């Protein structure tokens, strides 16, 4: 999903520790939510994903924080 939603991936880089979140991705439109645009956004990658994010930004509505941890330990575990 990171490739399709670079706007959300960029926002996640500002977190100071690793988290597991439960939530929904949404694309707002005219006072509501635009599910079809969310689906279109999910199909984009690379430059087209960045262009789509500029026109129709996505947001994550977080319901729960399921887990928190030390970000550097998490990244180290991936290598």
PDB file of N, CA and C in Angstrom:
ATOM      1  N   UNK A   1       0.817  -1.202   0.000  1.00  0.00           N
ATOM      2  CA  UNK A   1       0.000   0.000   0.000  1.00  0.00           C
ATOM      3  C   UNK A   1       0.859   1.263   0.000  1.00  0.00           C
ATOM      4  N   UNK A   2       2.094   1.154   0.476  1.00  0.00           N
ATOM      5  CA  UNK A   2       2.957   2.332   0.548  1.00  0.00           C
ATOM      6  C   UNK A   2       3.145   2.970  -0.826  1.00  0.00           C
ATOM      7  N   UNK A   3       3.325   2.153  -1.852  1.00  0.00           N
ATOM      8  CA  UNK A   3       3.525   2.680  -3.197  1.00  0.00           C
ATOM      9  C   UNK A   3       2.321   3.415  -3.739  1.00  0.00           C
ATOM     10  N   UNK A   4       1.142   3.018  -3.334  1.00  0.00           N
ATOM     11  CA  UNK A   4      -0.090   3.646  -3.813  1.00  0.00           C
ATOM     12  C   UNK A   4      -0.459   4.893  -3.028  1.00  0.00           C
ATOM     13  N   UNK A   5       0.037   5.007  -1.807  1.00  0.00           N
ATOM     14  CA  UNK A   5      -0.336   6.123  -0.942  1.00  0.00           C
ATOM     15  C   UNK A   5       0.908   6.801  -0.370  1.00  0.00           C
ATOM     16  N   UNK A   6       1.709   7.446  -1.258  1.00  0.00           N
ATOM     17  CA  UNK A   6       2.935   8.080  -0.775  1.00  0.00           C
ATOM     18  C   UNK A   6       2.668   9.208   0.217  1.00  0.00           C
ATOM     19  N   UNK A   7       1.512   9.832   0.125  1.00  0.00           N
ATOM     20  CA  UNK A   7       1.156  10.896   1.067  1.00  0.00           C
ATOM     21  C   UNK A   7       1.039  10.341   2.490  1.00  0.00           C
ATOM     22  N   UNK A   8       0.470   9.170   2.637  1.00  0.00           N
ATOM     23  CA  UNK A   8       0.354   8.551   3.957  1.00  0.00           C
ATOM     24  C   UNK A   8       1.685   7.982   4.417  1.00  0.00           C
ATOM     25  N   UNK A   9       2.456   7.431   3.481  1.00  0.00           N
ATOM     26  CA  UNK A   9       3.783   6.915   3.829  1.00  0.00           C
ATOM     27  C   UNK A   9       4.675   8.045   4.326  1.00  0.00           C
ATOM     28  N   UNK A  10       4.599   9.206   3.670  1.00  0.00           N
ATOM     29  CA  UNK A  10       5.382  10.367   4.119  1.00  0.00           C
ATOM     30  C   UNK A  10       4.966  10.794   5.520  1.00  0.00           C
ATOM     31  N   UNK A  11       3.683  10.779   5.790  1.00  0.00           N
ATOM     32  CA  UNK A  11       3.202  11.161   7.125  1.00  0.00           C
ATOM     33  C   UNK A  11       3.714  10.196   8.187  1.00  0.00           C
ATOM     34  N   UNK A  12       3.818   8.923   7.843  1.00  0.00           N
ATOM     35  CA  UNK A  12       4.277   7.914   8.809  1.00  0.00           C
ATOM     36  C   UNK A  12       5.746   8.093   9.170  1.00  0.00           C
ATOM     37  N   UNK A  13       6.535   8.700   8.286  1.00  0.00           N
ATOM     38  CA  UNK A  13       7.953   8.888   8.596  1.00  0.00           C
ATOM     39  C   UNK A  13       8.157   9.848   9.761  1.00  0.00           C
ATOM     40  N   UNK A  14       7.159  10.627  10.090  1.00  0.00           N
ATOM     41  CA  UNK A  14       7.263  11.547  11.221  1.00  0.00           C
ATOM     42  C   UNK A  14       7.019  10.898  12.568  1.00  0.00           C
ATOM     43  N   UNK A  15       6.660   9.629  12.585  1.00  0.00           N
ATOM     44  CA  UNK A  15       6.412   8.941  13.851  1.00  0.00           C
ATOM     45  C   UNK A  15       7.737   8.607  14.526  1.00  0.00           C
ATOM     46  N   UNK A  16       7.775   8.733  15.830  1.00  0.00           N
ATOM     47  CA  UNK A  16       9.022   8.490  16.554  1.00  0.00           C
ATOM     48  C   UNK A  16       9.211   7.022  16.939  1.00  0.00           C
ATOM     49  N   UNK A  17       8.171   6.217  16.811  1.00  0.00           N
ATOM     50  CA  UNK A  17       8.304   4.800  17.115  1.00  0.00           C
ATOM     51  C   UNK A  17       7.369   4.000  16.224  1.00  0.00           C
ATOM     52  N   UNK A  18       7.639   2.702  16.139  1.00  0.00           N
ATOM     53  CA  UNK A  18       6.815   1.819  15.330  1.00  0.00           C
ATOM     54  C   UNK A  18       5.437   1.669  15.971  1.00  0.00           C
ATOM     55  N   UNK A  19       4.427   1.656  15.136  1.00  0.00           N
ATOM     56  CA  UNK A  19       3.067   1.462  15.630  1.00  0.00           C
ATOM     57  C   UNK A  19       2.310   0.542  14.682  1.00  0.00           C
ATOM     58  N   UNK A  20       1.353  -0.161  15.237  1.00  0.00           N
ATOM     59  CA  UNK A  20       0.405  -0.937  14.451  1.00  0.00           C
ATOM     60  C   UNK A  20      -0.943  -0.285  14.702  1.00  0.00           C
ATOM     61  N   UNK A  21      -1.552   0.190  13.611  1.00  0.00           N
ATOM     62  CA  UNK A  21      -2.797   0.934  13.722  1.00  0.00           C
ATOM     63  C   UNK A  21      -3.951   0.170  13.092  1.00  0.00           C
ATOM     64  N   UNK A  22      -5.127   0.360  13.648  1.00  0.00           N
ATOM     65  CA  UNK A  22      -6.356  -0.168  13.067  1.00  0.00           C
ATOM     66  C   UNK A  22      -7.153   1.041  12.610  1.00  0.00           C
ATOM     67  N   UNK A  23      -7.477   1.083  11.329  1.00  0.00           N
ATOM     68  CA  UNK A  23      -8.211   2.238  10.843  1.00  0.00           C
ATOM     69  C   UNK A  23      -8.704   2.048   9.425  1.00  0.00           C
ATOM     70  N   UNK A  24      -9.143   3.139   8.835  1.00  0.00           N
ATOM     71  CA  UNK A  24      -9.687   3.155   7.480  1.00  0.00           C
ATOM     72  C   UNK A  24      -8.984   4.223   6.670  1.00  0.00           C
ATOM     73  N   UNK A  25      -8.660   3.917   5.428  1.00  0.00           N
ATOM     74  CA  UNK A  25      -8.188   4.927   4.493  1.00  0.00           C
ATOM     75  C   UNK A  25      -9.403   5.551   3.834  1.00  0.00           C
ATOM     76  N   UNK A  26      -9.386   6.875   3.700  1.00  0.00           N
ATOM     77  CA  UNK A  26     -10.508   7.574   3.077  1.00  0.00           C
ATOM     78  C   UNK A  26      -9.983   8.659   2.142  1.00  0.00           C
ATOM     79  N   UNK A  27     -10.794   8.994   1.145  1.00  0.00           N
ATOM     80  CA  UNK A  27     -10.557  10.131   0.273  1.00  0.00           C
ATOM     81  C   UNK A  27     -11.818  10.990   0.351  1.00  0.00           C
ATOM     82  N   UNK A  28     -11.718  12.176   0.970  1.00  0.00           N
ATOM     83  CA  UNK A  28     -12.899  13.033   1.087  1.00  0.00           C
ATOM     84  C   UNK A  28     -13.268  13.682  -0.248  1.00  0.00           C
ATOM     85  N   UNK A  29     -14.562  13.964  -0.405  1.00  0.00           N
ATOM     86  CA  UNK A  29     -15.046  14.606  -1.630  1.00  0.00           C
ATOM     87  C   UNK A  29     -16.392  15.256  -1.350  1.00  0.00           C
ATOM     88  N   UNK A  30     -16.456  16.556  -1.523  1.00  0.00           N
ATOM     89  CA  UNK A  30     -17.707  17.325  -1.395  1.00  0.00           C
ATOM     90  C   UNK A  30     -18.482  16.989  -0.127  1.00  0.00           C
ATOM     91  N   UNK A  31     -17.816  17.010   1.001  1.00  0.00           N
ATOM     92  CA  UNK A  31     -18.475  16.787   2.284  1.00  0.00           C
ATOM     93  C   UNK A  31     -18.730  15.336   2.630  1.00  0.00           C
ATOM     94  N   UNK A  32     -18.293  14.414   1.794  1.00  0.00           N
ATOM     95  CA  UNK A  32     -18.469  12.988   2.061  1.00  0.00           C
ATOM     96  C   UNK A  32     -17.178  12.245   1.759  1.00  0.00           C
ATOM     97  N   UNK A  33     -17.306  10.960   1.546  1.00  0.00           N
ATOM     98  CA  UNK A  33     -16.154  10.123   1.220  1.00  0.00           C
ATOM     99  C   UNK A  33     -16.313   9.584  -0.192  1.00  0.00           C
ATOM    100  N   UNK A  34     -15.224   9.477  -0.908  1.00  0.00           N
ATOM    101  CA  UNK A  34     -15.244   9.065  -2.308  1.00  0.00           C
ATOM    102  C   UNK A  34     -14.572   7.697  -2.425  1.00  0.00           C
ATOM    103  N   UNK A  35     -15.370   6.631  -2.284  1.00  0.00           N
ATOM    104  CA  UNK A  35     -14.832   5.273  -2.289  1.00  0.00           C
ATOM    105  C   UNK A  35     -14.226   4.905  -3.640  1.00  0.00           C
ATOM    106  N   UNK A  36     -14.852   5.321  -4.734  1.00  0.00           N
ATOM    107  CA  UNK A  36     -14.323   4.994  -6.061  1.00  0.00           C
ATOM    108  C   UNK A  36     -12.945   5.623  -6.257  1.00  0.00           C
ATOM    109  N   UNK A  37     -12.745   6.838  -5.762  1.00  0.00           N
ATOM    110  CA  UNK A  37     -11.431   7.479  -5.886  1.00  0.00           C
ATOM    111  C   UNK A  37     -10.399   6.761  -5.029  1.00  0.00           C
ATOM    112  N   UNK A  38     -10.797   6.285  -3.860  1.00  0.00           N
ATOM    113  CA  UNK A  38      -9.896   5.496  -3.028  1.00  0.00           C
ATOM    114  C   UNK A  38      -9.438   4.246  -3.782  1.00  0.00           C
ATOM    115  N   UNK A  39     -10.362   3.582  -4.455  1.00  0.00           N
ATOM    116  CA  UNK A  39     -10.011   2.404  -5.251  1.00  0.00           C
ATOM    117  C   UNK A  39      -9.073   2.759  -6.403  1.00  0.00           C
ATOM    118  N   UNK A  40      -9.327   3.884  -7.071  1.00  0.00           N
ATOM    119  CA  UNK A  40      -8.427   4.321  -8.146  1.00  0.00           C
ATOM    120  C   UNK A  40      -7.041   4.618  -7.596  1.00  0.00           C
ATOM    121  N   UNK A  41      -6.974   5.281  -6.441  1.00  0.00           N
ATOM    122  CA  UNK A  41      -5.686   5.605  -5.825  1.00  0.00           C
ATOM    123  C   UNK A  41      -4.901   4.333  -5.526  1.00  0.00           C
ATOM    124  N   UNK A  42      -5.566   3.276  -5.125  1.00  0.00           N
ATOM    125  CA  UNK A  42      -4.895   2.025  -4.758  1.00  0.00           C
ATOM    126  C   UNK A  42      -4.215   1.370  -5.955  1.00  0.00           C
ATOM    127  N   UNK A  43      -4.608   1.714  -7.169  1.00  0.00           N
ATOM    128  CA  UNK A  43      -4.011   1.108  -8.370  1.00  0.00           C
ATOM    129  C   UNK A  43      -2.790   1.868  -8.881  1.00  0.00           C
ATOM    130  N   UNK A  44      -2.539   3.075  -8.373  1.00  0.00           N
ATOM    131  CA  UNK A  44      -1.409   3.885  -8.845  1.00  0.00           C
ATOM    132  C   UNK A  44      -0.121   3.502  -8.137  1.00  0.00           C
ATOM    133  N   UNK A  45       1.002   3.703  -8.830  1.00  0.00           N
ATOM    134  CA  UNK A  45       2.335   3.508  -8.261  1.00  0.00           C
ATOM    135  C   UNK A  45       3.254   4.580  -8.830  1.00  0.00           C
ATOM    136  N   UNK A  46       4.352   4.851  -8.147  1.00  0.00           N
ATOM    137  CA  UNK A  46       5.360   5.775  -8.651  1.00  0.00           C
ATOM    138  C   UNK A  46       4.839   7.188  -8.839  1.00  0.00           C
ATOM    139  N   UNK A  47       5.235   7.795  -9.967  1.00  0.00           N
ATOM    140  CA  UNK A  47       4.867   9.186 -10.227  1.00  0.00           C
ATOM    141  C   UNK A  47       3.357   9.377 -10.298  1.00  0.00           C
ATOM    142  N   UNK A  48       2.644   8.422 -10.888  1.00  0.00           N
ATOM    143  CA  UNK A  48       1.193   8.577 -10.991  1.00  0.00           C
ATOM    144  C   UNK A  48       0.533   8.541  -9.613  1.00  0.00           C
ATOM    145  N   UNK A  49       1.120   7.820  -8.656  1.00  0.00           N
ATOM    146  CA  UNK A  49       0.592   7.810  -7.288  1.00  0.00           C
ATOM    147  C   UNK A  49       0.788   9.166  -6.631  1.00  0.00           C
ATOM    148  N   UNK A  50       1.955   9.774  -6.847  1.00  0.00           N
ATOM    149  CA  UNK A  50       2.215  11.106  -6.288  1.00  0.00           C
ATOM    150  C   UNK A  50       1.283  12.142  -6.905  1.00  0.00           C
ATOM    151  N   UNK A  51       1.040  12.046  -8.198  1.00  0.00           N
ATOM    152  CA  UNK A  51       0.118  12.970  -8.867  1.00  0.00           C
ATOM    153  C   UNK A  51      -1.302  12.781  -8.358  1.00  0.00           C
ATOM    154  N   UNK A  52      -1.717  11.535  -8.176  1.00  0.00           N
ATOM    155  CA  UNK A  52      -3.061  11.265  -7.653  1.00  0.00           C
ATOM    156  C   UNK A  52      -3.204  11.783  -6.222  1.00  0.00           C
ATOM    157  N   UNK A  53      -2.143  11.671  -5.430  1.00  0.00           N
ATOM    158  CA  UNK A  53      -2.168  12.158  -4.051  1.00  0.00           C
ATOM    159  C   UNK A  53      -2.316  13.675  -4.003  1.00  0.00           C
ATOM    160  N   UNK A  54      -1.718  14.365  -4.970  1.00  0.00           N
ATOM    161  CA  UNK A  54      -1.816  15.823  -5.010  1.00  0.00           C
ATOM    162  C   UNK A  54      -3.242  16.272  -5.337  1.00  0.00           C
ATOM    163  N   UNK A  55      -3.923  15.515  -6.180  1.00  0.00           N
ATOM    164  CA  UNK A  55      -5.281  15.882  -6.597  1.00  0.00           C
ATOM    165  C   UNK A  55      -6.337  15.386  -5.613  1.00  0.00           C
ATOM    166  N   UNK A  56      -6.162  14.156  -5.131  1.00  0.00           N
ATOM    167  CA  UNK A  56      -7.124  13.525  -4.217  1.00  0.00           C
ATOM    168  C   UNK A  56      -6.378  12.945  -3.023  1.00  0.00           C
ATOM    169  N   UNK A  57      -5.980  13.784  -2.052  1.00  0.00           N
ATOM    170  CA  UNK A  57      -5.223  13.253  -0.904  1.00  0.00           C
ATOM    171  C   UNK A  57      -6.041  12.260  -0.094  1.00  0.00           C
ATOM    172  N   UNK A  58      -5.345  11.280   0.433  1.00  0.00           N
ATOM    173  CA  UNK A  58      -5.968  10.268   1.289  1.00  0.00           C
ATOM    174  C   UNK A  58      -5.649  10.578   2.743  1.00  0.00           C
ATOM    175  N   UNK A  59      -6.495  10.108   3.610  1.00  0.00           N
ATOM    176  CA  UNK A  59      -6.317  10.266   5.050  1.00  0.00           C
ATOM    177  C   UNK A  59      -6.578   8.921   5.704  1.00  0.00           C
ATOM    178  N   UNK A  60      -5.989   8.726   6.871  1.00  0.00           N
ATOM    179  CA  UNK A  60      -6.265   7.517   7.635  1.00  0.00           C
ATOM    180  C   UNK A  60      -7.010   7.921   8.896  1.00  0.00           C
ATOM    181  N   UNK A  61      -8.156   7.345   9.064  1.00  0.00           N
ATOM    182  CA  UNK A  61      -8.917   7.528  10.294  1.00  0.00           C
ATOM    183  C   UNK A  61      -8.535   6.362  11.196  1.00  0.00           C
ATOM    184  N   UNK A  62      -7.868   6.670  12.302  1.00  0.00           N
ATOM    185  CA  UNK A  62      -7.368   5.632  13.203  1.00  0.00           C
ATOM    186  C   UNK A  62      -8.403   5.352  14.277  1.00  0.00           C
ATOM    187  N   UNK A  63      -8.745   4.080  14.421  1.00  0.00           N
ATOM    188  CA  UNK A  63      -9.689   3.656  15.453  1.00  0.00           C
ATOM    189  C   UNK A  63      -8.971   3.202  16.714  1.00  0.00           C
ATOM    190  N   UNK A  64      -7.871   2.497  16.537  1.00  0.00           N
ATOM    191  CA  UNK A  64      -7.130   1.944  17.672  1.00  0.00           C
ATOM    192  C   UNK A  64      -5.639   1.922  17.365  1.00  0.00           C
ATOM    193  N   UNK A  65      -4.840   2.099  18.414  1.00  0.00           N
ATOM    194  CA  UNK A  65      -3.407   1.850  18.346  1.00  0.00           C
ATOM    195  C   UNK A  65      -3.215   0.474  18.959  1.00  0.00           C
ATOM    196  N   UNK A  66      -2.874  -0.505  18.118  1.00  0.00           N
ATOM    197  CA  UNK A  66      -2.811  -1.889  18.572  1.00  0.00           C
ATOM    198  C   UNK A  66      -1.488  -2.244  19.238  1.00  0.00           C
ATOM    199  N   UNK A  67      -0.417  -1.560  18.800  1.00  0.00           N
ATOM    200  CA  UNK A  67       0.892  -1.880  19.355  1.00  0.00           C
ATOM    201  C   UNK A  67       1.820  -0.694  19.131  1.00  0.00           C
ATOM    202  N   UNK A  68       2.705  -0.471  20.082  1.00  0.00           N
ATOM    203  CA  UNK A  68       3.763   0.527  19.916  1.00  0.00           C
ATOM    204  C   UNK A  68       5.085  -0.129  20.260  1.00  0.00           C
ATOM    205  N   UNK A  69       6.154   0.408  19.735  1.00  0.00           N
ATOM    206  CA  UNK A  69       7.457  -0.160  20.020  1.00  0.00           C
ATOM    207  C   UNK A  69       8.566   0.761  19.588  1.00  0.00           C
ATOM    208  N   UNK A  70       9.768   0.329  19.811  1.00  0.00           N
ATOM    209  CA  UNK A  70      10.938   1.105  19.453  1.00  0.00           C
ATOM    210  C   UNK A  70      11.178   0.990  17.961  1.00  0.00           C
ATOM    211  N   UNK A  71      11.137   2.106  17.250  1.00  0.00           N
ATOM    212  CA  UNK A  71      11.260   2.114  15.799  1.00  0.00           C
ATOM    213  C   UNK A  71      12.594   1.541  15.339  1.00  0.00           C
ATOM    214  N   UNK A  72      13.694   1.913  15.981  1.00  0.00           N
ATOM    215  CA  UNK A  72      15.005   1.425  15.535  1.00  0.00           C
ATOM    216  C   UNK A  72      15.117  -0.082  15.712  1.00  0.00           C
ATOM    217  N   UNK A  73      14.545  -0.632  16.763  1.00  0.00           N
ATOM    218  CA  UNK A  73      14.558  -2.091  16.947  1.00  0.00           C
ATOM    219  C   UNK A  73      13.742  -2.770  15.855  1.00  0.00           C
ATOM    220  N   UNK A  74      12.627  -2.152  15.491  1.00  0.00           N
ATOM    221  CA  UNK A  74      11.774  -2.721  14.449  1.00  0.00           C
ATOM    222  C   UNK A  74      12.510  -2.732  13.106  1.00  0.00           C
ATOM    223  N   UNK A  75      13.120  -1.602  12.747  1.00  0.00           N
ATOM    224  CA  UNK A  75      13.839  -1.520  11.484  1.00  0.00           C
ATOM    225  C   UNK A  75      14.993  -2.502  11.464  1.00  0.00           C
ATOM    226  N   UNK A  76      15.706  -2.631  12.574  1.00  0.00           N
ATOM    227  CA  UNK A  76      16.817  -3.579  12.660  1.00  0.00           C
ATOM    228  C   UNK A  76      16.347  -5.013  12.451  1.00  0.00           C
ATOM    229  N   UNK A  77      15.156  -5.314  12.894  1.00  0.00           N
ATOM    230  CA  UNK A  77      14.638  -6.678  12.749  1.00  0.00           C
ATOM    231  C   UNK A  77      14.313  -7.009  11.307  1.00  0.00           C
ATOM    232  N   UNK A  78      14.149  -5.989  10.447  1.00  0.00           N
ATOM    233  CA  UNK A  78      13.831  -6.224   9.042  1.00  0.00           C
ATOM    234  C   UNK A  78      15.057  -6.540   8.212  1.00  0.00           C
ATOM    235  N   UNK A  79      16.233  -6.215   8.720  1.00  0.00           N
ATOM    236  CA  UNK A  79      17.463  -6.424   7.927  1.00  0.00           C
ATOM    237  C   UNK A  79      18.150  -7.715   8.277  1.00  0.00           C
TER     238      UNK A  79
END
